[in-house]
């Protein structure tokens, strides 16, 4: 049942943010020619998608829960990409969104990516991190000291 809830959340949240909304924004507003940089979109989509799916898997298996705030994991997840960045799901989505801009070149996609980052950052700092500090205590505090929030740190 947890796997089904995770799948539904994957479709509803990241599917909406990194799938449906960018498609709606296509062909709206001015466009820039990204030239050869457009081909960077493909690895960004693949890497972002892999990070997103692997992180969902970690929540399901390691955390015994879902990424949805209404059904959070029971264990602190520090495996997989969570060893390098505290928010790999959001990071993966942002890579996908940057890929959209590079491929299609619509400024509205870049503005949306910036908006998505700011909204996500506020959600993480104002809700997620305080909630996780209360739930996991010292183990989460130690994790905060070791792993950066947005820029992955590879050891």
N, C-alpha and C. Protein backbone atom coordinates (compact mmCIF):
# COMPACT_ATOMS: atom_id res chain seq x y z
N UNK A 1 0.82 -1.20 0.00
CA UNK A 1 0.00 0.00 0.00
C UNK A 1 0.86 1.26 0.00
N UNK A 2 2.01 1.22 0.73
CA UNK A 2 2.91 2.37 0.75
C UNK A 2 3.48 2.63 -0.64
N UNK A 3 3.78 1.57 -1.39
CA UNK A 3 4.30 1.73 -2.74
C UNK A 3 3.26 2.42 -3.64
N UNK A 4 2.01 2.05 -3.50
CA UNK A 4 0.95 2.67 -4.29
C UNK A 4 0.82 4.16 -3.94
N UNK A 5 0.86 4.46 -2.64
CA UNK A 5 0.78 5.87 -2.22
C UNK A 5 1.97 6.66 -2.75
N UNK A 6 3.16 6.06 -2.73
CA UNK A 6 4.34 6.74 -3.27
C UNK A 6 4.19 6.99 -4.77
N UNK A 7 3.69 6.01 -5.49
CA UNK A 7 3.48 6.16 -6.92
C UNK A 7 2.47 7.27 -7.21
N UNK A 8 1.40 7.31 -6.47
CA UNK A 8 0.39 8.35 -6.66
C UNK A 8 0.97 9.73 -6.36
N UNK A 9 1.79 9.81 -5.30
CA UNK A 9 2.42 11.09 -4.97
C UNK A 9 3.42 11.48 -6.06
N UNK A 10 4.16 10.52 -6.59
CA UNK A 10 5.11 10.78 -7.67
C UNK A 10 4.39 11.38 -8.88
N UNK A 11 3.25 10.83 -9.21
CA UNK A 11 2.47 11.34 -10.35
C UNK A 11 1.89 12.72 -10.02
N UNK A 12 1.38 12.88 -8.81
CA UNK A 12 0.70 14.12 -8.45
C UNK A 12 1.66 15.29 -8.25
N UNK A 13 2.73 15.11 -7.49
CA UNK A 13 3.60 16.24 -7.15
C UNK A 13 4.69 16.46 -8.20
N UNK A 14 5.73 15.61 -8.25
CA UNK A 14 6.75 15.85 -9.27
C UNK A 14 6.19 15.76 -10.70
N UNK A 15 5.21 14.90 -10.90
CA UNK A 15 4.61 14.79 -12.22
C UNK A 15 3.98 16.10 -12.67
N UNK A 16 3.37 16.80 -11.73
CA UNK A 16 2.76 18.08 -12.03
C UNK A 16 3.83 19.16 -12.21
N UNK A 17 4.78 19.22 -11.26
CA UNK A 17 5.79 20.28 -11.27
C UNK A 17 6.78 20.12 -12.42
N UNK A 18 7.22 18.88 -12.69
CA UNK A 18 8.25 18.66 -13.71
C UNK A 18 7.68 18.10 -15.01
N UNK A 19 6.39 17.89 -15.06
CA UNK A 19 5.79 17.33 -16.27
C UNK A 19 4.72 18.23 -16.86
N UNK A 20 3.60 18.29 -16.21
CA UNK A 20 2.44 18.98 -16.76
C UNK A 20 2.65 20.49 -16.90
N UNK A 21 3.07 21.15 -15.83
CA UNK A 21 3.20 22.61 -15.86
C UNK A 21 4.21 23.07 -16.92
N UNK A 22 5.42 22.46 -17.01
CA UNK A 22 6.32 22.89 -18.08
C UNK A 22 5.73 22.70 -19.48
N UNK A 23 4.97 21.65 -19.67
CA UNK A 23 4.35 21.44 -20.98
C UNK A 23 3.32 22.52 -21.30
N UNK A 24 2.63 22.99 -20.27
CA UNK A 24 1.66 24.08 -20.46
C UNK A 24 2.40 25.37 -20.82
N UNK A 25 3.58 25.55 -20.25
CA UNK A 25 4.34 26.78 -20.50
C UNK A 25 5.04 26.81 -21.86
N UNK A 26 5.10 25.67 -22.54
CA UNK A 26 5.74 25.64 -23.85
C UNK A 26 5.02 26.58 -24.80
N UNK A 27 5.82 27.24 -25.60
CA UNK A 27 5.32 28.15 -26.63
C UNK A 27 4.58 29.36 -26.06
N UNK A 28 4.95 29.73 -24.85
CA UNK A 28 4.38 30.94 -24.25
C UNK A 28 5.51 31.92 -24.00
N UNK A 29 5.37 33.10 -24.53
CA UNK A 29 6.37 34.13 -24.32
C UNK A 29 7.50 34.04 -25.32
N UNK A 30 8.53 34.83 -25.04
CA UNK A 30 9.67 34.89 -25.96
C UNK A 30 10.58 33.69 -25.79
N UNK A 31 11.38 33.50 -26.80
CA UNK A 31 12.23 32.31 -26.85
C UNK A 31 13.66 32.75 -27.17
N UNK A 32 14.61 32.00 -26.66
CA UNK A 32 16.02 32.24 -26.94
C UNK A 32 16.57 30.99 -27.61
N UNK A 33 17.50 31.18 -28.51
CA UNK A 33 18.15 30.04 -29.16
C UNK A 33 19.27 29.56 -28.25
N UNK A 34 19.17 28.36 -27.75
CA UNK A 34 20.17 27.83 -26.83
C UNK A 34 21.30 27.11 -27.55
N UNK A 35 21.17 26.92 -28.86
CA UNK A 35 22.23 26.33 -29.66
C UNK A 35 22.65 24.95 -29.18
N UNK A 36 23.95 24.74 -29.15
CA UNK A 36 24.50 23.44 -28.76
C UNK A 36 24.15 23.07 -27.32
N UNK A 37 23.92 24.08 -26.47
CA UNK A 37 23.56 23.81 -25.07
C UNK A 37 22.26 23.03 -24.95
N UNK A 38 21.43 23.09 -25.98
CA UNK A 38 20.17 22.35 -25.95
C UNK A 38 20.41 20.87 -25.71
N UNK A 39 21.52 20.35 -26.20
CA UNK A 39 21.79 18.92 -26.04
C UNK A 39 22.15 18.54 -24.60
N UNK A 40 22.44 19.52 -23.76
CA UNK A 40 22.64 19.24 -22.34
C UNK A 40 21.33 18.82 -21.67
N UNK A 41 20.22 19.15 -22.29
CA UNK A 41 18.91 18.81 -21.72
C UNK A 41 18.76 17.30 -21.55
N UNK A 42 19.25 16.54 -22.50
CA UNK A 42 19.06 15.09 -22.45
C UNK A 42 19.72 14.47 -21.22
N UNK A 43 21.02 14.74 -20.95
CA UNK A 43 21.58 14.19 -19.71
C UNK A 43 20.93 14.77 -18.46
N UNK A 44 20.51 16.04 -18.51
CA UNK A 44 19.83 16.61 -17.34
C UNK A 44 18.52 15.89 -17.06
N UNK A 45 17.76 15.58 -18.11
CA UNK A 45 16.51 14.83 -17.94
C UNK A 45 16.78 13.44 -17.39
N UNK A 46 17.77 12.77 -17.95
CA UNK A 46 18.08 11.41 -17.50
C UNK A 46 18.61 11.39 -16.07
N UNK A 47 19.53 12.27 -15.76
CA UNK A 47 20.10 12.32 -14.41
C UNK A 47 19.03 12.76 -13.41
N UNK A 48 18.29 13.82 -13.75
CA UNK A 48 17.23 14.31 -12.86
C UNK A 48 16.17 13.24 -12.60
N UNK A 49 15.76 12.55 -13.65
CA UNK A 49 14.77 11.49 -13.50
C UNK A 49 15.29 10.33 -12.66
N UNK A 50 16.54 9.94 -12.89
CA UNK A 50 17.14 8.85 -12.12
C UNK A 50 17.25 9.22 -10.64
N UNK A 51 17.69 10.44 -10.36
CA UNK A 51 17.79 10.89 -8.97
C UNK A 51 16.42 10.87 -8.31
N UNK A 52 15.43 11.39 -9.02
CA UNK A 52 14.07 11.44 -8.49
C UNK A 52 13.53 10.05 -8.18
N UNK A 53 13.64 9.13 -9.13
CA UNK A 53 13.11 7.78 -8.93
C UNK A 53 13.88 7.01 -7.87
N UNK A 54 15.19 7.12 -7.87
CA UNK A 54 16.00 6.43 -6.86
C UNK A 54 15.68 6.96 -5.46
N UNK A 55 15.48 8.26 -5.35
CA UNK A 55 15.15 8.85 -4.05
C UNK A 55 13.77 8.40 -3.57
N UNK A 56 12.82 8.29 -4.48
CA UNK A 56 11.51 7.75 -4.11
C UNK A 56 11.67 6.32 -3.59
N UNK A 57 12.50 5.54 -4.28
CA UNK A 57 12.77 4.16 -3.87
C UNK A 57 13.37 4.13 -2.46
N UNK A 58 14.33 5.03 -2.18
CA UNK A 58 14.93 5.09 -0.85
C UNK A 58 13.90 5.41 0.22
N UNK A 59 12.98 6.31 -0.07
CA UNK A 59 11.93 6.63 0.89
C UNK A 59 11.07 5.40 1.19
N UNK A 60 10.77 4.65 0.15
CA UNK A 60 9.93 3.47 0.30
C UNK A 60 10.65 2.38 1.09
N UNK A 61 11.89 2.07 0.71
CA UNK A 61 12.61 0.94 1.30
C UNK A 61 13.31 1.32 2.60
N UNK A 62 14.13 2.36 2.56
CA UNK A 62 14.90 2.76 3.75
C UNK A 62 14.03 3.46 4.79
N UNK A 63 13.17 4.36 4.31
CA UNK A 63 12.37 5.17 5.23
C UNK A 63 11.06 4.54 5.64
N UNK A 64 10.65 3.49 4.93
CA UNK A 64 9.37 2.82 5.20
C UNK A 64 8.21 3.81 5.22
N UNK A 65 8.18 4.66 4.20
CA UNK A 65 7.11 5.64 4.08
C UNK A 65 7.11 6.24 2.70
N UNK A 66 6.44 7.36 2.56
CA UNK A 66 6.36 8.04 1.27
C UNK A 66 6.96 9.44 1.41
N UNK A 67 7.24 10.10 0.30
CA UNK A 67 7.70 11.49 0.36
C UNK A 67 6.58 12.48 0.70
N UNK A 68 5.34 12.03 0.67
CA UNK A 68 4.20 12.91 0.95
C UNK A 68 4.20 13.32 2.42
N UNK A 69 4.04 14.62 2.69
CA UNK A 69 4.00 15.07 4.09
C UNK A 69 2.89 14.41 4.92
N UNK A 70 1.83 13.93 4.28
CA UNK A 70 0.75 13.30 5.03
C UNK A 70 1.08 11.86 5.41
N UNK A 71 2.10 11.26 4.79
CA UNK A 71 2.52 9.89 5.10
C UNK A 71 4.05 9.81 5.05
N UNK A 72 4.73 10.53 5.96
CA UNK A 72 6.19 10.63 5.88
C UNK A 72 6.87 9.32 6.27
N UNK A 73 8.16 9.21 5.96
CA UNK A 73 8.90 8.00 6.33
C UNK A 73 9.02 7.86 7.85
N UNK A 74 9.14 6.63 8.28
CA UNK A 74 9.28 6.35 9.71
C UNK A 74 10.73 6.43 10.16
N UNK A 75 11.65 6.26 9.21
CA UNK A 75 13.09 6.31 9.48
C UNK A 75 13.70 7.46 8.69
N UNK A 76 14.76 8.06 9.24
CA UNK A 76 15.50 9.09 8.54
C UNK A 76 16.22 8.45 7.35
N UNK A 77 16.02 8.99 6.17
CA UNK A 77 16.63 8.44 4.96
C UNK A 77 17.94 9.18 4.69
N UNK A 78 19.05 8.44 4.73
CA UNK A 78 20.36 9.02 4.46
C UNK A 78 21.13 8.16 3.45
N UNK A 79 20.43 7.31 2.73
CA UNK A 79 21.05 6.42 1.74
C UNK A 79 20.90 7.01 0.35
N UNK A 80 21.57 6.40 -0.62
CA UNK A 80 21.47 6.83 -2.00
C UNK A 80 21.97 8.25 -2.17
N UNK A 81 21.24 9.06 -2.92
CA UNK A 81 21.65 10.44 -3.16
C UNK A 81 21.55 11.31 -1.91
N UNK A 82 20.84 10.84 -0.90
CA UNK A 82 20.74 11.59 0.36
C UNK A 82 22.08 11.67 1.07
N UNK A 83 23.06 10.91 0.63
CA UNK A 83 24.42 11.01 1.20
C UNK A 83 25.13 12.25 0.67
N UNK A 84 24.68 12.78 -0.46
CA UNK A 84 25.37 13.88 -1.11
C UNK A 84 24.65 15.22 -1.05
N UNK A 85 23.33 15.17 -0.98
CA UNK A 85 22.52 16.38 -0.93
C UNK A 85 21.25 16.07 -0.14
N UNK A 86 20.81 17.01 0.69
CA UNK A 86 19.66 16.74 1.57
C UNK A 86 18.34 16.66 0.83
N UNK A 87 18.27 17.24 -0.33
CA UNK A 87 17.00 17.31 -1.06
C UNK A 87 17.13 16.80 -2.48
N UNK A 88 17.51 15.53 -2.65
CA UNK A 88 17.75 15.04 -4.01
C UNK A 88 16.51 15.01 -4.90
N UNK A 89 15.34 14.81 -4.33
CA UNK A 89 14.14 14.80 -5.17
C UNK A 89 13.92 16.17 -5.79
N UNK A 90 14.01 17.20 -4.97
CA UNK A 90 13.86 18.56 -5.48
C UNK A 90 14.99 18.89 -6.46
N UNK A 91 16.19 18.46 -6.13
CA UNK A 91 17.34 18.69 -7.00
C UNK A 91 17.11 18.03 -8.36
N UNK A 92 16.61 16.80 -8.37
CA UNK A 92 16.31 16.10 -9.61
C UNK A 92 15.27 16.83 -10.44
N UNK A 93 14.23 17.31 -9.78
CA UNK A 93 13.17 18.06 -10.48
C UNK A 93 13.76 19.33 -11.09
N UNK A 94 14.61 20.03 -10.35
CA UNK A 94 15.21 21.25 -10.88
C UNK A 94 16.10 20.96 -12.09
N UNK A 95 16.83 19.84 -12.07
CA UNK A 95 17.61 19.47 -13.24
C UNK A 95 16.71 19.25 -14.46
N UNK A 96 15.59 18.58 -14.24
CA UNK A 96 14.63 18.34 -15.32
C UNK A 96 14.11 19.68 -15.87
N UNK A 97 13.78 20.60 -14.97
CA UNK A 97 13.25 21.90 -15.40
C UNK A 97 14.29 22.70 -16.18
N UNK A 98 15.54 22.69 -15.72
CA UNK A 98 16.61 23.37 -16.47
C UNK A 98 16.75 22.75 -17.85
N UNK A 99 16.61 21.44 -17.92
CA UNK A 99 16.65 20.75 -19.20
C UNK A 99 15.56 21.23 -20.15
N UNK A 100 14.36 21.46 -19.62
CA UNK A 100 13.28 21.98 -20.47
C UNK A 100 13.68 23.32 -21.08
N UNK A 101 14.23 24.21 -20.23
CA UNK A 101 14.62 25.52 -20.76
C UNK A 101 15.68 25.37 -21.84
N UNK A 102 16.70 24.56 -21.56
CA UNK A 102 17.77 24.41 -22.54
C UNK A 102 17.27 23.83 -23.87
N UNK A 103 16.35 22.90 -23.80
CA UNK A 103 15.86 22.24 -25.02
C UNK A 103 14.92 23.15 -25.81
N UNK A 104 13.99 23.77 -25.10
CA UNK A 104 12.94 24.54 -25.79
C UNK A 104 13.24 26.04 -25.86
N UNK A 105 14.01 26.57 -24.90
CA UNK A 105 14.43 27.95 -24.94
C UNK A 105 13.41 29.01 -24.57
N UNK A 106 12.28 28.64 -24.02
CA UNK A 106 11.28 29.64 -23.64
C UNK A 106 11.64 30.23 -22.28
N UNK A 107 11.68 31.57 -22.24
CA UNK A 107 12.02 32.25 -20.99
C UNK A 107 11.03 31.91 -19.88
N UNK A 108 9.79 31.64 -20.25
CA UNK A 108 8.79 31.28 -19.23
C UNK A 108 9.21 30.02 -18.47
N UNK A 109 9.91 29.11 -19.15
CA UNK A 109 10.38 27.90 -18.48
C UNK A 109 11.49 28.21 -17.48
N UNK A 110 12.35 29.16 -17.83
CA UNK A 110 13.42 29.56 -16.91
C UNK A 110 12.83 30.30 -15.71
N UNK A 111 11.86 31.17 -15.97
CA UNK A 111 11.19 31.89 -14.86
C UNK A 111 10.47 30.90 -13.96
N UNK A 112 9.82 29.92 -14.55
CA UNK A 112 9.14 28.88 -13.76
C UNK A 112 10.13 28.10 -12.91
N UNK A 113 11.30 27.77 -13.48
CA UNK A 113 12.32 27.04 -12.74
C UNK A 113 12.78 27.86 -11.53
N UNK A 114 12.99 29.15 -11.73
CA UNK A 114 13.40 30.02 -10.62
C UNK A 114 12.29 30.08 -9.56
N UNK A 115 11.05 30.23 -9.99
CA UNK A 115 9.92 30.24 -9.05
C UNK A 115 9.84 28.92 -8.28
N UNK A 116 9.99 27.80 -8.99
CA UNK A 116 9.93 26.49 -8.34
C UNK A 116 11.04 26.34 -7.31
N UNK A 117 12.24 26.83 -7.64
CA UNK A 117 13.34 26.75 -6.68
C UNK A 117 13.06 27.58 -5.44
N UNK A 118 12.60 28.82 -5.62
CA UNK A 118 12.32 29.69 -4.48
C UNK A 118 11.22 29.10 -3.61
N UNK A 119 10.15 28.62 -4.22
CA UNK A 119 9.04 28.02 -3.46
C UNK A 119 9.52 26.78 -2.71
N UNK A 120 10.34 25.97 -3.37
CA UNK A 120 10.86 24.76 -2.73
C UNK A 120 11.78 25.11 -1.58
N UNK A 121 12.65 26.09 -1.80
CA UNK A 121 13.57 26.50 -0.74
C UNK A 121 12.80 26.98 0.50
N UNK A 122 11.78 27.78 0.28
CA UNK A 122 10.96 28.26 1.40
C UNK A 122 10.26 27.10 2.11
N UNK A 123 9.72 26.16 1.34
CA UNK A 123 9.06 24.99 1.94
C UNK A 123 10.05 24.18 2.78
N UNK A 124 11.25 23.98 2.24
CA UNK A 124 12.27 23.19 2.94
C UNK A 124 12.70 23.88 4.22
N UNK A 125 12.98 25.18 4.14
CA UNK A 125 13.51 25.88 5.32
C UNK A 125 12.44 26.20 6.36
N UNK A 126 11.23 26.46 5.93
CA UNK A 126 10.18 26.86 6.87
C UNK A 126 9.36 25.70 7.41
N UNK A 127 9.26 24.61 6.65
CA UNK A 127 8.44 23.48 7.10
C UNK A 127 9.24 22.19 7.27
N UNK A 128 9.87 21.75 6.20
CA UNK A 128 10.49 20.43 6.20
C UNK A 128 11.58 20.26 7.24
N UNK A 129 12.55 21.16 7.24
CA UNK A 129 13.67 21.01 8.16
C UNK A 129 13.24 21.12 9.63
N UNK A 130 12.41 22.11 10.01
CA UNK A 130 11.96 22.14 11.40
C UNK A 130 11.17 20.88 11.80
N UNK A 131 10.36 20.37 10.88
CA UNK A 131 9.58 19.16 11.16
C UNK A 131 10.49 17.96 11.36
N UNK A 132 11.50 17.82 10.51
CA UNK A 132 12.44 16.70 10.63
C UNK A 132 13.30 16.82 11.89
N UNK A 133 13.64 18.04 12.29
CA UNK A 133 14.40 18.24 13.54
C UNK A 133 13.59 17.74 14.72
N UNK A 134 12.30 18.05 14.73
CA UNK A 134 11.43 17.59 15.82
C UNK A 134 11.30 16.07 15.81
N UNK A 135 11.15 15.50 14.63
CA UNK A 135 10.88 14.07 14.52
C UNK A 135 12.12 13.21 14.78
N UNK A 136 13.27 13.61 14.22
CA UNK A 136 14.46 12.75 14.29
C UNK A 136 15.56 13.27 15.22
N UNK A 137 15.40 14.48 15.75
CA UNK A 137 16.31 15.00 16.76
C UNK A 137 17.78 15.05 16.36
N UNK A 138 18.63 14.51 17.23
CA UNK A 138 20.08 14.60 17.07
C UNK A 138 20.56 13.96 15.78
N UNK A 139 19.97 12.86 15.38
CA UNK A 139 20.43 12.21 14.15
C UNK A 139 20.22 13.12 12.94
N UNK A 140 19.13 13.89 12.93
CA UNK A 140 18.91 14.82 11.84
C UNK A 140 19.84 16.02 11.95
N UNK A 141 20.09 16.49 13.17
CA UNK A 141 21.03 17.60 13.39
C UNK A 141 22.42 17.22 12.87
N UNK A 142 22.85 16.00 13.15
CA UNK A 142 24.15 15.53 12.65
C UNK A 142 24.15 15.47 11.13
N UNK A 143 23.06 15.01 10.57
CA UNK A 143 22.92 14.92 9.11
C UNK A 143 23.01 16.32 8.48
N UNK A 144 22.39 17.32 9.11
CA UNK A 144 22.44 18.69 8.60
C UNK A 144 23.87 19.21 8.52
N UNK A 145 24.69 18.82 9.49
CA UNK A 145 26.08 19.28 9.52
C UNK A 145 26.93 18.62 8.44
N UNK A 146 26.57 17.42 8.04
CA UNK A 146 27.39 16.66 7.10
C UNK A 146 27.01 16.84 5.63
N UNK A 147 25.72 17.06 5.37
CA UNK A 147 25.23 17.03 3.99
C UNK A 147 24.62 18.39 3.62
N UNK A 148 25.05 18.97 2.50
CA UNK A 148 24.52 20.27 2.09
C UNK A 148 23.07 20.19 1.60
N UNK A 149 22.40 21.33 1.68
CA UNK A 149 20.98 21.39 1.31
C UNK A 149 20.77 21.29 -0.20
N UNK A 150 21.53 22.03 -1.01
CA UNK A 150 21.23 22.13 -2.45
C UNK A 150 22.35 21.70 -3.38
N UNK A 151 23.58 22.03 -3.05
CA UNK A 151 24.71 21.71 -3.94
C UNK A 151 25.32 20.40 -3.48
N UNK A 152 25.23 19.35 -4.27
CA UNK A 152 25.77 18.05 -3.84
C UNK A 152 27.26 18.13 -3.50
N UNK A 153 27.62 17.42 -2.45
CA UNK A 153 29.02 17.33 -2.04
C UNK A 153 29.42 15.87 -2.12
N UNK A 154 30.32 15.60 -3.06
CA UNK A 154 30.81 14.23 -3.24
C UNK A 154 32.11 14.07 -2.48
N UNK A 155 32.17 13.01 -1.70
CA UNK A 155 33.36 12.80 -0.86
C UNK A 155 34.42 12.08 -1.65
